[in-house]
Protein backbone atom coordinates (compact mmCIF):
# COMPACT_ATOMS: atom_id res chain seq x y z
CA MET A 1 -11.50 -162.49 17.04
CA ARG A 2 -12.80 -164.99 14.47
CA ARG A 3 -12.83 -162.27 11.84
CA TRP A 4 -9.15 -161.53 12.46
CA ILE A 5 -8.25 -165.21 12.19
CA SER A 6 -10.31 -165.55 9.00
CA PHE A 7 -8.74 -162.41 7.60
CA PHE A 8 -5.24 -163.66 8.45
CA LEU A 9 -5.87 -167.07 6.85
CA LEU A 10 -7.25 -165.40 3.74
CA LEU A 11 -4.20 -163.15 3.57
CA VAL A 12 -1.87 -166.15 3.87
CA LEU A 13 -3.72 -168.04 1.11
CA LEU A 14 -3.58 -165.03 -1.20
CA THR A 15 0.11 -164.56 -0.52
CA ILE A 16 0.84 -168.19 -1.33
CA SER A 17 -1.14 -168.11 -4.57
CA LEU A 18 0.33 -164.83 -5.92
CA PRO A 19 3.68 -166.23 -7.18
CA VAL A 20 1.85 -168.90 -9.15
CA THR A 21 -0.47 -166.31 -10.67
CA PHE A 22 2.38 -164.01 -11.68
CA ALA A 23 4.51 -166.86 -13.05
CA ALA A 24 1.72 -167.90 -15.38
CA ALA A 25 1.37 -164.33 -16.67
CA LEU A 26 4.99 -163.79 -17.74
CA PRO A 27 5.33 -162.88 -21.43
CA HIS A 28 7.16 -165.17 -23.85
CA VAL A 29 8.36 -162.29 -26.01
CA VAL A 30 9.66 -159.08 -24.42
CA ASP A 31 10.50 -156.49 -27.07
CA GLU A 32 12.12 -153.67 -25.07
CA ALA A 33 14.03 -152.55 -28.18
CA ASN A 34 10.79 -152.14 -30.18
CA LEU A 35 11.98 -154.28 -33.07
CA LEU A 36 8.78 -156.22 -33.70
CA THR A 37 5.32 -155.35 -34.95
CA SER A 38 2.29 -156.38 -32.93
CA HIS A 39 1.65 -159.21 -35.43
CA GLU A 40 5.22 -160.46 -35.04
CA LEU A 41 4.95 -160.28 -31.23
CA GLN A 42 1.74 -162.28 -31.26
CA SER A 43 3.05 -164.88 -33.67
CA LEU A 44 6.34 -165.34 -31.82
CA SER A 45 4.51 -165.57 -28.49
CA GLN A 46 2.30 -168.34 -29.85
CA GLN A 47 5.29 -170.20 -31.25
CA ALA A 48 7.22 -169.86 -27.98
CA GLU A 49 4.22 -171.12 -26.03
CA THR A 50 3.81 -174.09 -28.38
CA ILE A 51 7.49 -175.02 -28.08
CA GLY A 52 7.40 -174.55 -24.32
CA ASP A 53 4.36 -176.79 -23.97
CA ARG A 54 5.95 -179.44 -26.16
CA TYR A 55 9.22 -179.53 -24.20
CA GLN A 56 7.83 -178.54 -20.77
CA MET A 57 9.93 -175.40 -20.39
CA ASP A 58 9.65 -171.63 -20.62
CA VAL A 59 10.72 -170.21 -23.97
CA VAL A 60 11.52 -166.49 -23.89
CA ILE A 61 12.72 -164.03 -26.53
CA LEU A 62 14.08 -160.74 -25.19
CA THR A 63 15.22 -157.74 -27.19
CA VAL A 64 16.95 -154.84 -25.45
CA VAL A 65 18.76 -151.72 -26.53
CA SER A 66 21.46 -151.76 -23.85
CA LEU A 67 23.03 -154.49 -21.77
CA GLU A 68 23.57 -151.94 -18.97
CA GLY A 69 27.30 -152.65 -18.80
CA LYS A 70 26.93 -156.42 -18.47
CA ASP A 71 28.11 -159.10 -20.84
CA PRO A 72 25.24 -160.70 -22.82
CA GLU A 73 25.33 -164.01 -20.93
CA SER A 74 25.13 -162.34 -17.52
CA TYR A 75 22.33 -160.04 -18.65
CA ALA A 76 20.31 -162.96 -20.04
CA ASP A 77 20.89 -165.10 -16.93
CA ASP A 78 19.98 -162.26 -14.57
CA TYR A 79 16.86 -161.34 -16.54
CA TYR A 80 15.64 -164.94 -16.54
CA ASP A 81 16.29 -165.40 -12.81
CA GLN A 82 15.05 -162.02 -11.59
CA ARG A 83 11.80 -162.15 -13.56
CA GLY A 84 10.94 -165.63 -12.28
CA TYR A 85 10.90 -167.54 -15.55
CA GLY A 86 11.06 -171.33 -15.59
CA LEU A 87 8.78 -174.32 -15.24
CA GLY A 88 8.92 -177.01 -12.60
CA SER A 89 11.14 -177.33 -9.58
CA ASP A 90 14.30 -176.91 -11.70
CA ARG A 91 12.86 -173.79 -13.44
CA SER A 92 13.42 -175.24 -16.91
CA GLY A 93 13.58 -172.73 -19.70
CA ILE A 94 15.54 -171.03 -22.42
CA LEU A 95 15.92 -167.32 -23.16
CA LEU A 96 17.24 -165.75 -26.35
CA LEU A 97 18.61 -162.24 -25.77
CA ILE A 98 19.30 -159.78 -28.59
CA SER A 99 20.89 -156.39 -27.87
CA THR A 100 20.68 -153.74 -30.57
CA GLU A 101 23.25 -151.33 -29.12
CA SER A 102 26.07 -153.87 -28.92
CA ARG A 103 24.65 -156.02 -31.76
CA ASP A 104 25.26 -158.99 -29.50
CA TRP A 105 23.19 -161.95 -28.38
CA ALA A 106 23.14 -164.73 -25.82
CA ILE A 107 21.17 -167.80 -24.89
CA SER A 108 20.43 -168.54 -21.26
CA THR A 109 19.27 -172.01 -20.23
CA CYS A 110 18.07 -173.42 -16.95
CA GLY A 111 17.00 -176.87 -15.73
CA GLN A 112 16.17 -179.40 -18.43
CA ALA A 113 16.78 -176.80 -21.14
CA ILE A 114 20.52 -177.05 -20.45
CA THR A 115 20.57 -180.67 -21.56
CA TRP A 116 17.99 -180.10 -24.29
CA SER A 117 19.89 -177.23 -25.92
CA ARG A 118 23.20 -179.10 -25.91
CA THR A 119 21.80 -182.20 -27.56
CA ARG A 120 19.68 -180.58 -30.29
CA THR A 121 20.52 -178.94 -33.58
CA TRP A 122 18.95 -175.73 -34.78
CA ASN A 123 17.71 -176.04 -38.37
CA GLY A 124 20.45 -178.57 -39.04
CA TRP A 125 23.25 -176.38 -37.61
CA ARG A 126 25.01 -176.77 -34.30
CA ARG A 127 24.86 -173.74 -32.04
CA PRO A 128 26.48 -171.34 -31.39
CA PHE A 129 29.04 -171.25 -34.25
CA SER A 130 26.64 -171.65 -37.12
CA PRO A 131 25.61 -169.38 -39.99
CA PRO A 132 22.01 -168.95 -38.71
CA TRP A 133 23.32 -167.50 -35.45
CA ARG A 134 25.83 -165.24 -37.20
CA ARG A 135 22.93 -163.59 -39.05
CA ILE A 136 21.79 -162.06 -35.76
CA ALA A 137 24.87 -159.83 -35.69
CA THR A 138 24.59 -158.68 -39.31
CA ALA A 139 20.95 -158.74 -40.44
CA PRO A 140 18.17 -156.31 -39.59
CA HIS A 141 16.88 -157.70 -36.30
CA SER A 142 13.22 -158.13 -37.18
CA ARG A 143 14.08 -160.28 -40.20
CA THR A 144 16.41 -162.41 -38.10
CA ILE A 145 13.86 -163.07 -35.37
CA TYR A 146 10.69 -163.48 -37.34
CA LYS A 147 10.11 -165.36 -40.56
CA PRO A 148 6.41 -165.63 -41.58
């Protein structure tokens, strides 16, 4: 009987610790559209991790071929939520989505990133109606995302 109780308690502890383990292992750059080289993936991942640590939020870059019939904002929001991104109780984070098929993009924010993204400028330009963001729709994607 003691073995069953011990086994049950161990199972409960493992179950409780699994979400934390998986949340820590989520990638910062997900290149489903295969736009980036391995060097670019590594560099962007390091930069996203550095920014995330600095601002206490998840920073995610996602490239996809298709939006699967959704609008870019919905796809980005759903991806962020369904994959379990976010830090803290408010799941703070920001996700940049780029779709190659529709040549569209979106930014999804959650928690503190909502306030952070609305009060910051991006390279001196306000988002989203700025020339740096327009480049995403017209430039080759890898040059838009990654600048060594």
